[in-house]
Amino acid sequence: MSGKVIKILLAKVGLDGHDRGVNVLSLWLRDAGMEVVYLGRFQTPEKVARSAIAEDVDIIGLSFLGGEHMFYAAKMMEKMKEHDLKIPLIIGGIVPDKDIPRLKEVAVSEVFPTGTSMETIVQSIKELVGKQA
């Protein structure tokens, strides 16, 4: 990546209003040298896709704590395909282990369940974006 700053878009889609974790993650990613665009709560997959294009981000991260991850991951991938958005999509939050393989089947690049270390998240983001370069 030759010194390029990674630009990540973070959002919460659906009606899940619990955003403490994604707010902390935003600060950690900034501290790790990334540029973070946080759309906030109650977003739609369409708004996330359009914002990713407008902001020219390298990767999209969605946070889920309310159990809607399977539905919205699939919807997000649909919108990314509609907009020809070929960047990684990562998911974090409360995600049961049994759902991780299913999320990856719908083309989610990586899943970070609650408790994943910050070092693991940062390293994975760097690797995913590096593969796109």
Protein backbone atom coordinates (compact mmCIF):
# COMPACT_ATOMS: atom_id res chain seq x y z
CA MET A 1 0.00 0.00 0.00
CA SER A 2 3.07 2.20 0.08
CA GLY A 3 2.07 4.63 2.83
CA LYS A 4 -1.52 5.21 1.71
CA VAL A 5 -3.85 5.97 4.61
CA ILE A 6 -6.68 3.44 4.80
CA LYS A 7 -10.09 5.06 4.67
CA ILE A 8 -12.86 3.06 6.33
CA LEU A 9 -16.57 3.74 6.45
CA LEU A 10 -18.33 2.50 9.58
CA ALA A 11 -22.09 2.38 10.07
CA LYS A 12 -24.96 0.77 11.89
CA VAL A 13 -27.76 -0.34 9.60
CA GLY A 14 -31.29 -1.18 10.63
CA LEU A 15 -32.88 -0.30 13.95
CA ASP A 16 -30.01 -1.32 16.23
CA GLY A 17 -29.23 1.85 18.17
CA HIS A 18 -26.44 0.49 20.38
CA ASP A 19 -23.38 2.35 19.16
CA ARG A 20 -20.89 2.46 22.02
CA GLY A 21 -18.72 -0.29 20.53
CA VAL A 22 -18.51 1.23 17.06
CA ASN A 23 -17.73 4.64 18.56
CA VAL A 24 -14.82 3.14 20.51
CA LEU A 25 -13.71 1.24 17.39
CA SER A 26 -13.72 4.51 15.42
CA LEU A 27 -11.31 6.07 17.89
CA TRP A 28 -9.06 3.00 17.92
CA LEU A 29 -8.88 2.90 14.13
CA ARG A 30 -8.02 6.62 14.02
CA ASP A 31 -5.32 6.00 16.61
CA ALA A 32 -4.01 3.24 14.33
CA GLY A 33 -3.60 5.81 11.54
CA MET A 34 -6.75 5.19 9.53
CA GLU A 35 -9.20 7.77 8.29
CA VAL A 36 -12.65 6.91 9.64
CA VAL A 37 -16.00 8.03 8.24
CA TYR A 38 -18.75 7.11 10.70
CA LEU A 39 -22.28 7.45 9.35
CA GLY A 40 -23.95 6.73 12.65
CA ARG A 41 -27.01 4.70 13.57
CA PHE A 42 -30.15 3.77 11.66
CA GLN A 43 -28.60 3.73 8.18
CA THR A 44 -29.80 1.80 5.14
CA PRO A 45 -27.61 -0.38 2.93
CA GLU A 46 -28.34 2.01 0.05
CA LYS A 47 -27.12 5.02 2.04
CA VAL A 48 -23.99 3.12 3.12
CA ALA A 49 -23.19 2.12 -0.48
CA ARG A 50 -23.72 5.64 -1.81
CA SER A 51 -21.64 7.13 1.01
CA ALA A 52 -18.84 4.64 0.37
CA ILE A 53 -18.71 5.80 -3.25
CA ALA A 54 -18.92 9.50 -2.36
CA GLU A 55 -16.22 9.19 0.29
CA ASP A 56 -14.03 6.91 -1.87
CA VAL A 57 -13.38 4.51 1.01
CA ASP A 58 -11.21 1.41 0.92
CA ILE A 59 -13.40 -0.77 3.14
CA ILE A 60 -16.84 -0.81 4.79
CA GLY A 61 -17.48 -1.97 8.35
CA LEU A 62 -20.91 -2.64 9.81
CA SER A 63 -21.59 -3.09 13.51
CA PHE A 64 -24.41 -5.30 14.81
CA LEU A 65 -25.61 -5.92 18.33
CA GLY A 66 -29.29 -6.62 17.67
CA GLY A 67 -29.26 -9.88 15.72
CA GLU A 68 -29.94 -8.43 12.26
CA HIS A 69 -26.50 -9.23 10.85
CA MET A 70 -27.58 -12.02 8.47
CA PHE A 71 -30.36 -9.99 6.85
CA TYR A 72 -28.41 -6.75 6.51
CA ALA A 73 -25.15 -8.35 5.39
CA ALA A 74 -26.98 -9.88 2.43
CA LYS A 75 -28.76 -6.58 1.68
CA MET A 76 -25.46 -4.70 1.90
CA MET A 77 -23.79 -7.08 -0.54
CA GLU A 78 -26.73 -6.64 -2.95
CA LYS A 79 -26.33 -2.85 -2.85
CA MET A 80 -22.56 -3.10 -3.26
CA LYS A 81 -23.07 -5.24 -6.38
CA GLU A 82 -25.72 -2.85 -7.75
CA HIS A 83 -23.26 0.04 -7.39
CA ASP A 84 -20.29 -2.01 -8.65
CA LEU A 85 -18.55 -1.39 -5.33
CA LYS A 86 -15.64 -3.84 -5.18
CA ILE A 87 -14.22 -3.25 -1.72
CA PRO A 88 -14.19 -5.48 1.37
CA LEU A 89 -17.16 -5.57 3.73
CA ILE A 90 -16.44 -6.45 7.35
CA ILE A 91 -18.92 -7.16 10.14
CA GLY A 92 -18.42 -6.76 13.87
CA GLY A 93 -20.39 -7.08 17.06
CA ILE A 94 -22.52 -9.79 18.58
CA VAL A 95 -22.33 -12.50 15.95
CA PRO A 96 -22.81 -16.15 16.92
CA ASP A 97 -19.97 -18.43 15.77
CA LYS A 98 -22.44 -20.51 13.74
CA ASP A 99 -23.28 -17.46 11.60
CA ILE A 100 -19.70 -16.63 10.60
CA PRO A 101 -19.44 -19.22 7.78
CA ARG A 102 -22.86 -18.13 6.46
CA LEU A 103 -21.77 -14.48 6.43
CA LYS A 104 -18.66 -15.38 4.49
CA GLU A 105 -20.84 -17.30 1.99
CA VAL A 106 -22.59 -14.03 1.12
CA ALA A 107 -19.13 -12.49 0.50
CA VAL A 108 -18.48 -10.76 3.83
CA SER A 109 -14.68 -10.47 3.92
CA GLU A 110 -14.19 -10.85 7.67
CA VAL A 111 -16.23 -11.09 10.86
CA PHE A 112 -15.07 -9.76 14.23
CA PRO A 113 -17.21 -11.06 17.09
CA THR A 114 -17.33 -9.19 20.38
CA GLY A 115 -14.02 -9.57 22.18
CA THR A 116 -11.81 -9.59 19.07
CA SER A 117 -8.58 -7.77 19.88
CA MET A 118 -7.92 -4.38 18.37
CA GLU A 119 -4.61 -5.66 17.00
CA THR A 120 -6.42 -8.44 15.13
CA ILE A 121 -8.96 -6.01 13.67
CA VAL A 122 -6.32 -3.51 12.53
CA GLN A 123 -4.09 -6.19 11.02
CA SER A 124 -7.02 -7.80 9.19
CA ILE A 125 -8.16 -4.47 7.76
CA LYS A 126 -4.64 -3.75 6.53
CA GLU A 127 -4.42 -7.18 4.89
CA LEU A 128 -7.85 -6.91 3.25
CA VAL A 129 -7.17 -3.45 1.85
CA GLY A 130 -3.66 -4.51 0.79
CA LYS A 131 -5.16 -7.31 -1.32
CA GLN A 132 -7.27 -4.71 -3.15
CA ALA A 133 -4.29 -2.52 -4.06
